[in-house]
Amino acid sequence: MKQSPIFTRTYDLLRWLIPMTVKFPRGQRFVLAAGVQRTALRFQEQLIEAAYEVEPLPKLKQADVTLTKLRFYTAHGHKLRLPLSGAS
C-alpha cells in the first residue's frame, strides 16, 4: 500500500509545529501552545484512524474540522505575535 502524502506532510508539520510552540512565552505555553499541540496531534490521529476504516469519510470529516480548529489556533498565535513564523 502506497502511503498518502497527507501522512508525510502532517508528520513534517508536527516536527515543525511542536518545537515552535515550545518557544511561546510562558503565559501562552500552557494555554495556546497546549491547544495547538493537542489539536495537531488529534488531526494526525484522525487521519490514521481514517486509513483503517472501511468507510473513511466520517473520520476524514472529523479531521477536516480539527484542521480548521488548528488554523484558528495558529491564527491566534500569529495575531499575538507568537513565534509561529519560523523566525526566532
C-alpha atoms as a PDB file:
ATOM      1  CA  MET A   1       0.000   0.000   0.000  1.00  0.00           C
ATOM      2  CA  LYS A   2       1.394   3.366  -1.015  1.00  0.00           C
ATOM      3  CA  GLN A   3       1.226   5.936   1.779  1.00  0.00           C
ATOM      4  CA  SER A   4      -0.699   9.124   1.061  1.00  0.00           C
ATOM      5  CA  PRO A   5       1.300  12.384   1.033  1.00  0.00           C
ATOM      6  CA  ILE A   6      -1.006  13.726   3.764  1.00  0.00           C
ATOM      7  CA  PHE A   7       0.708  11.444   6.294  1.00  0.00           C
ATOM      8  CA  THR A   8       4.174  12.707   5.384  1.00  0.00           C
ATOM      9  CA  ARG A   9       3.084  16.328   5.358  1.00  0.00           C
ATOM     10  CA  THR A  10       1.274  16.010   8.675  1.00  0.00           C
ATOM     11  CA  TYR A  11       4.339  14.397  10.204  1.00  0.00           C
ATOM     12  CA  ASP A  12       6.507  17.246   8.879  1.00  0.00           C
ATOM     13  CA  LEU A  13       4.004  19.790  10.230  1.00  0.00           C
ATOM     14  CA  LEU A  14       4.193  18.256  13.697  1.00  0.00           C
ATOM     15  CA  ARG A  15       8.003  18.128  13.593  1.00  0.00           C
ATOM     16  CA  TRP A  16       7.994  21.875  12.874  1.00  0.00           C
ATOM     17  CA  LEU A  17       4.991  22.962  14.942  1.00  0.00           C
ATOM     18  CA  ILE A  18       5.742  21.355  18.303  1.00  0.00           C
ATOM     19  CA  PRO A  19       9.206  22.937  18.704  1.00  0.00           C
ATOM     20  CA  MET A  20       7.725  26.311  17.666  1.00  0.00           C
ATOM     21  CA  THR A  21       5.086  26.142  20.392  1.00  0.00           C
ATOM     22  CA  VAL A  22       7.762  25.412  22.992  1.00  0.00           C
ATOM     23  CA  LYS A  23       9.116  28.886  22.198  1.00  0.00           C
ATOM     24  CA  PHE A  24       5.834  30.536  23.199  1.00  0.00           C
ATOM     25  CA  PRO A  25       6.033  32.856  26.211  1.00  0.00           C
ATOM     26  CA  ARG A  26       5.410  31.057  29.478  1.00  0.00           C
ATOM     27  CA  GLY A  27       1.909  32.522  29.842  1.00  0.00           C
ATOM     28  CA  GLN A  28       0.833  31.068  26.496  1.00  0.00           C
ATOM     29  CA  ARG A  29       2.655  27.747  26.718  1.00  0.00           C
ATOM     30  CA  PHE A  30       0.004  26.152  28.903  1.00  0.00           C
ATOM     31  CA  VAL A  31      -2.950  27.650  27.060  1.00  0.00           C
ATOM     32  CA  LEU A  32      -2.459  28.246  23.356  1.00  0.00           C
ATOM     33  CA  ALA A  33       0.633  26.071  22.856  1.00  0.00           C
ATOM     34  CA  ALA A  34      -1.026  23.110  24.552  1.00  0.00           C
ATOM     35  CA  GLY A  35      -4.146  23.610  22.422  1.00  0.00           C
ATOM     36  CA  VAL A  36      -2.121  23.788  19.218  1.00  0.00           C
ATOM     37  CA  GLN A  37      -0.147  20.664  20.101  1.00  0.00           C
ATOM     38  CA  ARG A  38      -3.203  18.693  21.206  1.00  0.00           C
ATOM     39  CA  THR A  39      -5.171  19.693  18.106  1.00  0.00           C
ATOM     40  CA  ALA A  40      -2.319  18.919  15.697  1.00  0.00           C
ATOM     41  CA  LEU A  41      -1.790  15.508  17.268  1.00  0.00           C
ATOM     42  CA  ARG A  42      -5.526  14.812  17.162  1.00  0.00           C
ATOM     43  CA  PHE A  43      -5.549  15.686  13.458  1.00  0.00           C
ATOM     44  CA  GLN A  44      -2.810  13.134  12.825  1.00  0.00           C
ATOM     45  CA  GLU A  45      -4.663  10.521  14.886  1.00  0.00           C
ATOM     46  CA  GLN A  46      -7.866  11.061  12.910  1.00  0.00           C
ATOM     47  CA  LEU A  47      -6.015  10.599   9.618  1.00  0.00           C
ATOM     48  CA  ILE A  48      -4.507   7.355  10.877  1.00  0.00           C
ATOM     49  CA  GLU A  49      -7.911   6.158  12.098  1.00  0.00           C
ATOM     50  CA  ALA A  50      -9.474   7.010   8.720  1.00  0.00           C
ATOM     51  CA  ALA A  51      -6.831   4.946   6.927  1.00  0.00           C
ATOM     52  CA  TYR A  52      -8.016   1.841   8.783  1.00  0.00           C
ATOM     53  CA  GLU A  53     -11.741   2.399   8.238  1.00  0.00           C
ATOM     54  CA  VAL A  54     -13.767   0.614   5.594  1.00  0.00           C
ATOM     55  CA  GLU A  55     -15.715   3.876   5.186  1.00  0.00           C
ATOM     56  CA  PRO A  56     -13.163   6.641   5.957  1.00  0.00           C
ATOM     57  CA  LEU A  57     -15.328   9.655   5.065  1.00  0.00           C
ATOM     58  CA  PRO A  58     -16.752  10.297   8.588  1.00  0.00           C
ATOM     59  CA  LYS A  59     -13.245  10.240  10.102  1.00  0.00           C
ATOM     60  CA  LEU A  60     -11.942  12.488   7.341  1.00  0.00           C
ATOM     61  CA  LYS A  61     -14.754  14.965   8.004  1.00  0.00           C
ATOM     62  CA  GLN A  62     -13.760  14.995  11.695  1.00  0.00           C
ATOM     63  CA  ALA A  63     -10.140  15.534  10.660  1.00  0.00           C
ATOM     64  CA  ASP A  64     -11.219  18.460   8.493  1.00  0.00           C
ATOM     65  CA  VAL A  65     -12.955  20.091  11.462  1.00  0.00           C
ATOM     66  CA  THR A  66      -9.865  19.504  13.595  1.00  0.00           C
ATOM     67  CA  LEU A  67      -7.664  21.061  10.919  1.00  0.00           C
ATOM     68  CA  THR A  68      -9.931  24.113  10.848  1.00  0.00           C
ATOM     69  CA  LYS A  69      -9.508  24.428  14.620  1.00  0.00           C
ATOM     70  CA  LEU A  70      -5.743  24.215  14.191  1.00  0.00           C
ATOM     71  CA  ARG A  71      -5.872  27.001  11.614  1.00  0.00           C
ATOM     72  CA  PHE A  72      -7.747  29.214  14.063  1.00  0.00           C
ATOM     73  CA  TYR A  73      -5.303  28.462  16.878  1.00  0.00           C
ATOM     74  CA  THR A  74      -2.313  29.291  14.704  1.00  0.00           C
ATOM     75  CA  ALA A  75      -4.052  32.467  13.513  1.00  0.00           C
ATOM     76  CA  HIS A  76      -4.473  33.485  17.160  1.00  0.00           C
ATOM     77  CA  GLY A  77      -0.780  32.814  17.680  1.00  0.00           C
ATOM     78  CA  HIS A  78       0.081  34.955  14.681  1.00  0.00           C
ATOM     79  CA  LYS A  79      -2.123  37.826  15.892  1.00  0.00           C
ATOM     80  CA  LEU A  80      -0.446  37.623  19.306  1.00  0.00           C
ATOM     81  CA  ARG A  81       2.944  37.712  17.530  1.00  0.00           C
ATOM     82  CA  LEU A  82       3.940  34.334  18.924  1.00  0.00           C
ATOM     83  CA  PRO A  83       6.829  32.501  17.230  1.00  0.00           C
ATOM     84  CA  LEU A  84       4.977  30.527  14.547  1.00  0.00           C
ATOM     85  CA  SER A  85       6.692  32.143  11.589  1.00  0.00           C
ATOM     86  CA  GLY A  86       9.844  30.050  11.788  1.00  0.00           C
ATOM     87  CA  ALA A  87      11.974  33.026  12.808  1.00  0.00           C
ATOM     88  CA  SER A  88      13.311  33.117  16.347  1.00  0.00           C
END
